Full PDB file with SEQRES, HELIX, SHEET, SSBOND, CRYST1, ORIGX, SCALE, CONECT and MASTER records, all heavy atoms in Angstrom:
SEQRES   1 A   37  LYS LYS ILE THR LEU THR LYS PRO LEU SER LEU ARG ALA          
SEQRES   2 A   37  MET ALA ARG VAL GLY GLN ARG THR TRP LEU CYS GLY VAL          
SEQRES   3 A   37  GLY ASP THR LEU LEU ILE SER ASN THR GLN GLY                  
SHEET    1 AA1 3 LEU A  11  VAL A  17  0                                        
SHEET    2 AA1 3 ARG A  20  GLY A  25 -1                                        
SHEET    3 AA1 3 LEU A  30  SER A  33 -1                                        
CRYST1    1.000    1.000    1.000  90.00  90.00  90.00 P 1           1          
ORIGX1      1.000000  0.000000  0.000000        0.00000                         
ORIGX2      0.000000  1.000000  0.000000        0.00000                         
ORIGX3      0.000000  0.000000  1.000000        0.00000                         
SCALE1      1.000000  0.000000  0.000000        0.00000                         
SCALE2      0.000000  1.000000  0.000000        0.00000                         
SCALE3      0.000000  0.000000  1.000000        0.00000                         
ATOM      1  N   LYS A   1      25.879  -4.751  22.550  1.00  0.00           N  
ATOM      2  CA  LYS A   1      25.893  -4.150  21.215  1.00  0.00           C  
ATOM      3  C   LYS A   1      24.604  -3.347  21.021  1.00  0.00           C  
ATOM      4  O   LYS A   1      23.541  -3.733  21.499  1.00  0.00           O  
ATOM      5  CB  LYS A   1      26.082  -5.193  20.109  1.00  0.00           C  
ATOM      6  CG  LYS A   1      27.377  -5.923  20.151  1.00  0.00           C  
ATOM      7  CD  LYS A   1      27.479  -6.923  19.056  1.00  0.00           C  
ATOM      8  CE  LYS A   1      28.803  -7.695  19.053  1.00  0.00           C  
ATOM      9  NZ  LYS A   1      28.892  -8.695  17.983  1.00  0.00           N  
ATOM     10  N   LYS A   2      24.739  -2.264  20.249  1.00  0.00           N  
ATOM     11  CA  LYS A   2      23.564  -1.496  19.875  1.00  0.00           C  
ATOM     12  C   LYS A   2      22.832  -2.110  18.743  1.00  0.00           C  
ATOM     13  O   LYS A   2      23.453  -2.381  17.712  1.00  0.00           O  
ATOM     14  CB  LYS A   2      23.988  -0.045  19.558  1.00  0.00           C  
ATOM     15  CG  LYS A   2      24.500   0.740  20.756  1.00  0.00           C  
ATOM     16  CD  LYS A   2      24.635   2.207  20.420  1.00  0.00           C  
ATOM     17  CE  LYS A   2      25.624   2.416  19.296  1.00  0.00           C  
ATOM     18  NZ  LYS A   2      25.844   3.891  19.049  1.00  0.00           N  
ATOM     19  N   ILE A   3      21.542  -2.357  18.877  1.00  0.00           N  
ATOM     20  CA  ILE A   3      20.697  -2.828  17.771  1.00  0.00           C  
ATOM     21  C   ILE A   3      19.914  -1.605  17.283  1.00  0.00           C  
ATOM     22  O   ILE A   3      19.148  -1.015  18.022  1.00  0.00           O  
ATOM     23  CB  ILE A   3      19.732  -3.945  18.228  1.00  0.00           C  
ATOM     24  CG1 ILE A   3      20.539  -5.080  18.820  1.00  0.00           C  
ATOM     25  CG2 ILE A   3      18.905  -4.403  17.037  1.00  0.00           C  
ATOM     26  CD1 ILE A   3      21.518  -5.750  17.930  1.00  0.00           C  
ATOM     27  N   THR A   4      20.112  -1.239  16.045  1.00  0.00           N  
ATOM     28  CA  THR A   4      19.509  -0.013  15.502  1.00  0.00           C  
ATOM     29  C   THR A   4      18.047  -0.225  15.154  1.00  0.00           C  
ATOM     30  O   THR A   4      17.658  -1.195  14.506  1.00  0.00           O  
ATOM     31  CB  THR A   4      20.303   0.459  14.241  1.00  0.00           C  
ATOM     32  OG1 THR A   4      21.638   0.646  14.585  1.00  0.00           O  
ATOM     33  CG2 THR A   4      19.733   1.783  13.733  1.00  0.00           C  
ATOM     34  N   LEU A   5      17.217   0.751  15.587  1.00  0.00           N  
ATOM     35  CA  LEU A   5      15.767   0.732  15.221  1.00  0.00           C  
ATOM     36  C   LEU A   5      15.565   1.743  14.098  1.00  0.00           C  
ATOM     37  O   LEU A   5      16.447   2.448  13.664  1.00  0.00           O  
ATOM     38  CB  LEU A   5      14.978   1.159  16.458  1.00  0.00           C  
ATOM     39  CG  LEU A   5      15.272   0.350  17.738  1.00  0.00           C  
ATOM     40  CD1 LEU A   5      14.463   0.884  18.889  1.00  0.00           C  
ATOM     41  CD2 LEU A   5      14.972  -1.120  17.541  1.00  0.00           C  
ATOM     42  N   THR A   6      14.349   1.787  13.577  1.00  0.00           N  
ATOM     43  CA  THR A   6      14.028   2.616  12.415  1.00  0.00           C  
ATOM     44  C   THR A   6      14.017   4.083  12.757  1.00  0.00           C  
ATOM     45  O   THR A   6      14.192   4.917  11.859  1.00  0.00           O  
ATOM     46  CB  THR A   6      12.681   2.215  11.797  1.00  0.00           C  
ATOM     47  OG1 THR A   6      11.675   2.278  12.890  1.00  0.00           O  
ATOM     48  CG2 THR A   6      12.725   0.788  11.317  1.00  0.00           C  
ATOM     49  N   LYS A   7      13.776   4.450  14.034  1.00  0.00           N  
ATOM     50  CA  LYS A   7      13.665   5.842  14.430  1.00  0.00           C  
ATOM     51  C   LYS A   7      13.898   5.943  15.963  1.00  0.00           C  
ATOM     52  O   LYS A   7      13.789   4.949  16.652  1.00  0.00           O  
ATOM     53  CB  LYS A   7      12.301   6.411  14.100  1.00  0.00           C  
ATOM     54  CG  LYS A   7      11.147   5.776  14.872  1.00  0.00           C  
ATOM     55  CD  LYS A   7       9.775   6.319  14.520  1.00  0.00           C  
ATOM     56  CE  LYS A   7       9.332   5.857  13.164  1.00  0.00           C  
ATOM     57  NZ  LYS A   7       7.911   6.154  12.878  1.00  0.00           N  
ATOM     58  N   PRO A   8      14.245   7.137  16.468  1.00  0.00           N  
ATOM     59  CA  PRO A   8      14.346   7.286  17.908  1.00  0.00           C  
ATOM     60  C   PRO A   8      13.005   7.091  18.567  1.00  0.00           C  
ATOM     61  O   PRO A   8      11.987   7.613  18.130  1.00  0.00           O  
ATOM     62  CB  PRO A   8      14.830   8.733  18.037  1.00  0.00           C  
ATOM     63  CG  PRO A   8      15.440   9.098  16.750  1.00  0.00           C  
ATOM     64  CD  PRO A   8      14.656   8.331  15.720  1.00  0.00           C  
ATOM     65  N   LEU A   9      13.007   6.347  19.650  1.00  0.00           N  
ATOM     66  CA  LEU A   9      11.779   6.022  20.341  1.00  0.00           C  
ATOM     67  C   LEU A   9      11.982   6.024  21.866  1.00  0.00           C  
ATOM     68  O   LEU A   9      13.103   5.635  22.352  1.00  0.00           O  
ATOM     69  CB  LEU A   9      11.242   4.599  19.972  1.00  0.00           C  
ATOM     70  CG  LEU A   9      10.756   4.427  18.544  1.00  0.00           C  
ATOM     71  CD1 LEU A   9      10.484   2.968  18.264  1.00  0.00           C  
ATOM     72  CD2 LEU A   9       9.492   5.250  18.322  1.00  0.00           C  
ATOM     73  N   SER A  10      11.031   6.527  22.549  1.00  0.00           N  
ATOM     74  CA  SER A  10      11.035   6.413  24.048  1.00  0.00           C  
ATOM     75  C   SER A  10      10.071   5.348  24.397  1.00  0.00           C  
ATOM     76  O   SER A  10       8.819   5.477  24.385  1.00  0.00           O  
ATOM     77  CB  SER A  10      10.570   7.743  24.670  1.00  0.00           C  
ATOM     78  OG  SER A  10      10.565   7.647  26.104  1.00  0.00           O  
ATOM     79  N   LEU A  11      10.621   4.135  24.736  1.00  0.00           N  
ATOM     80  CA  LEU A  11       9.844   2.950  24.910  1.00  0.00           C  
ATOM     81  C   LEU A  11       9.327   2.855  26.360  1.00  0.00           C  
ATOM     82  O   LEU A  11      10.105   3.018  27.305  1.00  0.00           O  
ATOM     83  CB  LEU A  11      10.679   1.727  24.573  1.00  0.00           C  
ATOM     84  CG  LEU A  11      11.197   1.689  23.110  1.00  0.00           C  
ATOM     85  CD1 LEU A  11      12.211   0.574  22.944  1.00  0.00           C  
ATOM     86  CD2 LEU A  11      10.019   1.495  22.177  1.00  0.00           C  
ATOM     87  N   ARG A  12       8.048   2.552  26.500  1.00  0.00           N  
ATOM     88  CA  ARG A  12       7.394   2.539  27.829  1.00  0.00           C  
ATOM     89  C   ARG A  12       6.624   1.298  28.128  1.00  0.00           C  
ATOM     90  O   ARG A  12       6.206   1.075  29.258  1.00  0.00           O  
ATOM     91  CB  ARG A  12       6.444   3.743  27.952  1.00  0.00           C  
ATOM     92  CG  ARG A  12       7.157   5.089  27.842  1.00  0.00           C  
ATOM     93  CD  ARG A  12       6.101   6.194  27.886  1.00  0.00           C  
ATOM     94  NE  ARG A  12       5.350   6.206  29.125  1.00  0.00           N  
ATOM     95  CZ  ARG A  12       5.729   6.781  30.235  1.00  0.00           C  
ATOM     96  NH1 ARG A  12       6.833   7.435  30.279  1.00  0.00           N  
ATOM     97  NH2 ARG A  12       4.954   6.720  31.322  1.00  0.00           N  
ATOM     98  N   ALA A  13       6.377   0.432  27.143  1.00  0.00           N  
ATOM     99  CA  ALA A  13       5.572  -0.772  27.367  1.00  0.00           C  
ATOM    100  C   ALA A  13       6.190  -1.961  26.646  1.00  0.00           C  
ATOM    101  O   ALA A  13       6.717  -1.788  25.536  1.00  0.00           O  
ATOM    102  CB  ALA A  13       4.103  -0.556  26.907  1.00  0.00           C  
ATOM    103  N   MET A  14       6.080  -3.132  27.254  1.00  0.00           N  
ATOM    104  CA  MET A  14       6.692  -4.361  26.710  1.00  0.00           C  
ATOM    105  C   MET A  14       5.731  -5.513  26.976  1.00  0.00           C  
ATOM    106  O   MET A  14       5.065  -5.590  27.996  1.00  0.00           O  
ATOM    107  CB  MET A  14       8.036  -4.609  27.362  1.00  0.00           C  
ATOM    108  CG  MET A  14       8.796  -5.797  26.838  1.00  0.00           C  
ATOM    109  SD  MET A  14       8.334  -7.390  27.611  1.00  0.00           S  
ATOM    110  CE  MET A  14       8.926  -7.093  29.287  1.00  0.00           C  
ATOM    111  N   ALA A  15       5.678  -6.443  25.990  1.00  0.00           N  
ATOM    112  CA  ALA A  15       4.969  -7.704  26.175  1.00  0.00           C  
ATOM    113  C   ALA A  15       5.812  -8.780  25.473  1.00  0.00           C  
ATOM    114  O   ALA A  15       6.496  -8.556  24.508  1.00  0.00           O  
ATOM    115  CB  ALA A  15       3.608  -7.668  25.559  1.00  0.00           C  
ATOM    116  N   ARG A  16       5.737  -9.986  26.031  1.00  0.00           N  
ATOM    117  CA  ARG A  16       6.516 -11.078  25.523  1.00  0.00           C  
ATOM    118  C   ARG A  16       5.735 -12.382  25.619  1.00  0.00           C  
ATOM    119  O   ARG A  16       5.158 -12.698  26.671  1.00  0.00           O  
ATOM    120  CB  ARG A  16       7.838 -11.213  26.290  1.00  0.00           C  
ATOM    121  CG  ARG A  16       8.736 -12.337  25.874  1.00  0.00           C  
ATOM    122  CD  ARG A  16       9.963 -12.444  26.769  1.00  0.00           C  
ATOM    123  NE  ARG A  16      10.671 -13.685  26.588  1.00  0.00           N  
ATOM    124  CZ  ARG A  16      11.569 -14.156  27.419  1.00  0.00           C  
ATOM    125  NH1 ARG A  16      11.911 -13.461  28.546  1.00  0.00           N  
ATOM    126  NH2 ARG A  16      12.198 -15.285  27.210  1.00  0.00           N  
ATOM    127  N   VAL A  17       5.692 -13.112  24.523  1.00  0.00           N  
ATOM    128  CA  VAL A  17       5.108 -14.458  24.484  1.00  0.00           C  
ATOM    129  C   VAL A  17       6.080 -15.383  23.821  1.00  0.00           C  
ATOM    130  O   VAL A  17       6.321 -15.213  22.591  1.00  0.00           O  
ATOM    131  CB  VAL A  17       3.741 -14.452  23.765  1.00  0.00           C  
ATOM    132  CG1 VAL A  17       3.202 -15.879  23.640  1.00  0.00           C  
ATOM    133  CG2 VAL A  17       2.757 -13.558  24.479  1.00  0.00           C  
ATOM    134  N   GLY A  18       6.679 -16.283  24.529  1.00  0.00           N  
ATOM    135  CA  GLY A  18       7.651 -17.195  23.956  1.00  0.00           C  
ATOM    136  C   GLY A  18       8.872 -16.404  23.447  1.00  0.00           C  
ATOM    137  O   GLY A  18       9.485 -15.612  24.179  1.00  0.00           O  
ATOM    138  N   GLN A  19       9.210 -16.565  22.189  1.00  0.00           N  
ATOM    139  CA  GLN A  19      10.334 -15.813  21.570  1.00  0.00           C  
ATOM    140  C   GLN A  19       9.941 -14.499  20.961  1.00  0.00           C  
ATOM    141  O   GLN A  19      10.797 -13.796  20.445  1.00  0.00           O  
ATOM    142  CB  GLN A  19      10.997 -16.735  20.487  1.00  0.00           C  
ATOM    143  CG  GLN A  19      11.506 -18.061  21.016  1.00  0.00           C  
ATOM    144  CD  GLN A  19      12.560 -17.889  22.090  1.00  0.00           C  
ATOM    145  OE1 GLN A  19      13.465 -17.063  21.950  1.00  0.00           O  
ATOM    146  NE2 GLN A  19      12.445 -18.637  23.184  1.00  0.00           N  
ATOM    147  N   ARG A  20       8.625 -14.197  20.945  1.00  0.00           N  
ATOM    148  CA  ARG A  20       8.171 -12.989  20.352  1.00  0.00           C  
ATOM    149  C   ARG A  20       8.068 -11.878  21.390  1.00  0.00           C  
ATOM    150  O   ARG A  20       7.560 -12.113  22.489  1.00  0.00           O  
ATOM    151  CB  ARG A  20       6.825 -13.177  19.653  1.00  0.00           C  
ATOM    152  CG  ARG A  20       6.199 -11.890  19.075  1.00  0.00           C  
ATOM    153  CD  ARG A  20       5.008 -12.181  18.190  1.00  0.00           C  
ATOM    154  NE  ARG A  20       5.413 -12.830  16.947  1.00  0.00           N  
ATOM    155  CZ  ARG A  20       4.586 -13.078  15.984  1.00  0.00           C  
ATOM    156  NH1 ARG A  20       3.285 -12.768  16.062  1.00  0.00           N  
ATOM    157  NH2 ARG A  20       4.974 -13.690  14.855  1.00  0.00           N  
ATOM    158  N   THR A  21       8.545 -10.682  21.041  1.00  0.00           N  
ATOM    159  CA  THR A  21       8.553  -9.546  21.972  1.00  0.00           C  
ATOM    160  C   THR A  21       8.039  -8.322  21.266  1.00  0.00           C  
ATOM    161  O   THR A  21       8.348  -8.059  20.081  1.00  0.00           O  
ATOM    162  CB  THR A  21       9.993  -9.252  22.465  1.00  0.00           C  
ATOM    163  OG1 THR A  21      10.565 -10.456  22.997  1.00  0.00           O  
ATOM    164  CG2 THR A  21       9.940  -8.181  23.563  1.00  0.00           C  
ATOM    165  N   TRP A  22       7.160  -7.562  21.965  1.00  0.00           N  
ATOM    166  CA  TRP A  22       6.623  -6.341  21.424  1.00  0.00           C  
ATOM    167  C   TRP A  22       7.136  -5.162  22.327  1.00  0.00           C  
ATOM    168  O   TRP A  22       7.202  -5.321  23.561  1.00  0.00           O  
ATOM    169  CB  TRP A  22       5.115  -6.304  21.440  1.00  0.00           C  
ATOM    170  CG  TRP A  22       4.406  -7.258  20.554  1.00  0.00           C  
ATOM    171  CD1 TRP A  22       3.966  -7.063  19.284  1.00  0.00           C  
ATOM    172  CD2 TRP A  22       4.061  -8.635  20.863  1.00  0.00           C  
ATOM    173  NE1 TRP A  22       3.340  -8.181  18.744  1.00  0.00           N  
ATOM    174  CE2 TRP A  22       3.419  -9.180  19.716  1.00  0.00           C  
ATOM    175  CE3 TRP A  22       4.267  -9.426  21.974  1.00  0.00           C  
ATOM    176  CZ2 TRP A  22       2.919 -10.467  19.673  1.00  0.00           C  
ATOM    177  CZ3 TRP A  22       3.774 -10.749  21.957  1.00  0.00           C  
ATOM    178  CH2 TRP A  22       3.119 -11.253  20.788  1.00  0.00           C  
ATOM    179  N   LEU A  23       7.428  -4.006  21.724  1.00  0.00           N  
ATOM    180  CA  LEU A  23       7.808  -2.787  22.456  1.00  0.00           C  
ATOM    181  C   LEU A  23       7.070  -1.618  21.853  1.00  0.00           C  
ATOM    182  O   LEU A  23       6.977  -1.537  20.613  1.00  0.00           O  
ATOM    183  CB  LEU A  23       9.326  -2.546  22.397  1.00  0.00           C  
ATOM    184  CG  LEU A  23      10.235  -3.549  23.200  1.00  0.00           C  
ATOM    185  CD1 LEU A  23      11.683  -3.280  22.765  1.00  0.00           C  
ATOM    186  CD2 LEU A  23      10.091  -3.319  24.677  1.00  0.00           C  
ATOM    187  N   CYS A  24       6.603  -0.693  22.670  1.00  0.00           N  
ATOM    188  CA  CYS A  24       6.051   0.559  22.174  1.00  0.00           C  
ATOM    189  C   CYS A  24       6.165   1.629  23.204  1.00  0.00           C  
ATOM    190  O   CYS A  24       6.592   1.391  24.333  1.00  0.00           O  
ATOM    191  CB  CYS A  24       4.582   0.376  21.743  1.00  0.00           C  
ATOM    192  SG  CYS A  24       3.447   0.071  23.151  1.00  0.00           S  
ATOM    193  N   GLY A  25       5.888   2.908  22.818  1.00  0.00           N  
ATOM    194  CA  GLY A  25       6.016   4.011  23.741  1.00  0.00           C  
ATOM    195  C   GLY A  25       5.437   5.280  23.139  1.00  0.00           C  
ATOM    196  O   GLY A  25       4.306   5.281  22.624  1.00  0.00           O  
ATOM    197  N   VAL A  26       6.236   6.337  23.139  1.00  0.00           N  
ATOM    198  CA  VAL A  26       5.813   7.607  22.570  1.00  0.00           C  
ATOM    199  C   VAL A  26       5.778   7.486  21.084  1.00  0.00           C  
ATOM    200  O   VAL A  26       6.709   7.018  20.432  1.00  0.00           O  
ATOM    201  CB  VAL A  26       6.750   8.749  23.040  1.00  0.00           C  
ATOM    202  CG1 VAL A  26       6.321  10.024  22.360  1.00  0.00           C  
ATOM    203  CG2 VAL A  26       6.681   8.884  24.549  1.00  0.00           C  
ATOM    204  N   GLY A  27       4.682   7.998  20.469  1.00  0.00           N  
ATOM    205  CA  GLY A  27       4.561   7.941  19.039  1.00  0.00           C  
ATOM    206  C   GLY A  27       3.640   6.858  18.559  1.00  0.00           C  
ATOM    207  O   GLY A  27       2.922   6.229  19.340  1.00  0.00           O  
ATOM    208  N   ASP A  28       3.669   6.565  17.271  1.00  0.00           N  
ATOM    209  CA  ASP A  28       2.685   5.632  16.666  1.00  0.00           C  
ATOM    210  C   ASP A  28       3.365   4.330  16.165  1.00  0.00           C  
ATOM    211  O   ASP A  28       2.923   3.710  15.263  1.00  0.00           O  
ATOM    212  CB  ASP A  28       2.001   6.292  15.482  1.00  0.00           C  
ATOM    213  CG  ASP A  28       2.978   6.720  14.390  1.00  0.00           C  
ATOM    214  OD1 ASP A  28       4.150   6.745  14.690  1.00  0.00           O  
ATOM    215  OD2 ASP A  28       2.503   7.077  13.286  1.00  0.00           O  
ATOM    216  N   THR A  29       4.477   3.939  16.829  1.00  0.00           N  
ATOM    217  CA  THR A  29       5.248   2.804  16.379  1.00  0.00           C  
ATOM    218  C   THR A  29       5.162   1.663  17.341  1.00  0.00           C  
ATOM    219  O   THR A  29       5.373   1.836  18.566  1.00  0.00           O  
ATOM    220  CB  THR A  29       6.690   3.240  16.137  1.00  0.00           C  
ATOM    221  OG1 THR A  29       6.740   4.294  15.225  1.00  0.00           O  
ATOM    222  CG2 THR A  29       7.515   2.041  15.623  1.00  0.00           C  
ATOM    223  N   LEU A  30       4.930   0.469  16.815  1.00  0.00           N  
ATOM    224  CA  LEU A  30       4.984  -0.767  17.569  1.00  0.00           C  
ATOM    225  C   LEU A  30       6.113  -1.605  16.985  1.00  0.00           C  
ATOM    226  O   LEU A  30       6.201  -1.814  15.765  1.00  0.00           O  
ATOM    227  CB  LEU A  30       3.683  -1.527  17.448  1.00  0.00           C  
ATOM    228  CG  LEU A  30       3.582  -2.913  18.089  1.00  0.00           C  
ATOM    229  CD1 LEU A  30       3.712  -2.815  19.607  1.00  0.00           C  
ATOM    230  CD2 LEU A  30       2.306  -3.601  17.749  1.00  0.00           C  
ATOM    231  N   LEU A  31       7.035  -2.049  17.813  1.00  0.00           N  
ATOM    232  CA  LEU A  31       8.153  -2.873  17.418  1.00  0.00           C  
ATOM    233  C   LEU A  31       7.910  -4.313  17.748  1.00  0.00           C  
ATOM    234  O   LEU A  31       7.387  -4.621  18.853  1.00  0.00           O  
ATOM    235  CB  LEU A  31       9.489  -2.390  18.040  1.00  0.00           C  
ATOM    236  CG  LEU A  31       9.907  -0.975  17.780  1.00  0.00           C  
ATOM    237  CD1 LEU A  31      11.130  -0.631  18.571  1.00  0.00           C  
ATOM    238  CD2 LEU A  31      10.198  -0.789  16.260  1.00  0.00           C  
ATOM    239  N   ILE A  32       8.338  -5.236  16.903  1.00  0.00           N  
ATOM    240  CA  ILE A  32       8.160  -6.639  17.165  1.00  0.00           C  
ATOM    241  C   ILE A  32       9.461  -7.365  16.769  1.00  0.00           C  
ATOM    242  O   ILE A  32      10.145  -7.016  15.776  1.00  0.00           O  
ATOM    243  CB  ILE A  32       6.934  -7.210  16.321  1.00  0.00           C  
ATOM    244  CG1 ILE A  32       6.700  -8.674  16.729  1.00  0.00           C  
ATOM    245  CG2 ILE A  32       7.168  -7.042  14.849  1.00  0.00           C  
ATOM    246  CD1 ILE A  32       5.364  -9.213  16.155  1.00  0.00           C  
ATOM    247  N   SER A  33       9.800  -8.362  17.576  1.00  0.00           N  
ATOM    248  CA  SER A  33      11.025  -9.149  17.313  1.00  0.00           C  
ATOM    249  C   SER A  33      10.657 -10.617  17.550  1.00  0.00           C  
ATOM    250  O   SER A  33      10.019 -10.979  18.546  1.00  0.00           O  
ATOM    251  CB  SER A  33      12.169  -8.770  18.222  1.00  0.00           C  
ATOM    252  OG  SER A  33      13.286  -9.618  18.094  1.00  0.00           O  
ATOM    253  N   ASN A  34      11.112 -11.463  16.597  1.00  0.00           N  
ATOM    254  CA  ASN A  34      10.932 -12.921  16.751  1.00  0.00           C  
ATOM    255  C   ASN A  34      12.308 -13.587  16.901  1.00  0.00           C  
ATOM    256  O   ASN A  34      12.414 -14.814  16.828  1.00  0.00           O  
ATOM    257  CB  ASN A  34      10.235 -13.489  15.517  1.00  0.00           C  
ATOM    258  CG  ASN A  34       8.801 -12.987  15.368  1.00  0.00           C  
ATOM    259  OD1 ASN A  34       8.066 -12.992  16.361  1.00  0.00           O  
ATOM    260  ND2 ASN A  34       8.434 -12.573  14.189  1.00  0.00           N  
ATOM    261  N   THR A  35      13.364 -12.794  17.102  1.00  0.00           N  
ATOM    262  CA  THR A  35      14.728 -13.300  17.146  1.00  0.00           C  
ATOM    263  C   THR A  35      15.449 -12.942  18.437  1.00  0.00           C  
ATOM    264  O   THR A  35      16.624 -12.687  18.408  1.00  0.00           O  
ATOM    265  CB  THR A  35      15.505 -12.781  15.932  1.00  0.00           C  
ATOM    266  OG1 THR A  35      15.502 -11.304  15.961  1.00  0.00           O  
ATOM    267  CG2 THR A  35      14.894 -13.217  14.621  1.00  0.00           C  
ATOM    268  N   GLN A  36      14.711 -12.963  19.590  1.00  0.00           N  
ATOM    269  CA  GLN A  36      15.343 -12.658  20.879  1.00  0.00           C  
ATOM    270  C   GLN A  36      16.011 -11.289  20.812  1.00  0.00           C  
ATOM    271  O   GLN A  36      17.071 -11.052  21.405  1.00  0.00           O  
ATOM    272  CB  GLN A  36      16.321 -13.743  21.273  1.00  0.00           C  
ATOM    273  CG  GLN A  36      15.697 -15.107  21.480  1.00  0.00           C  
ATOM    274  CD  GLN A  36      16.679 -16.139  21.929  1.00  0.00           C  
ATOM    275  OE1 GLN A  36      17.883 -16.023  21.717  1.00  0.00           O  
ATOM    276  NE2 GLN A  36      16.165 -17.169  22.531  1.00  0.00           N  
ATOM    277  N   GLY A  37      15.422 -10.327  20.117  1.00  0.00           N  
ATOM    278  CA  GLY A  37      15.880  -8.931  20.112  1.00  0.00           C  
ATOM    279  C   GLY A  37      17.010  -8.664  19.158  1.00  0.00           C  
ATOM    280  O   GLY A  37      17.492  -7.520  19.112  1.00  0.00           O  
TER     281      GLY A  37                                                      
MASTER        0    0    0    0    3    0    0    6  280    1    0    3          
END                                                                             
């Protein structure tokens, strides 16, 4: 299923600690999830 984000993003970097995940890429936006995405 598609999970909608706030804006179009080209994601290039990821980090994960436990259930928390961070994603970022082009632009000034960092995404964070505490719910397994």
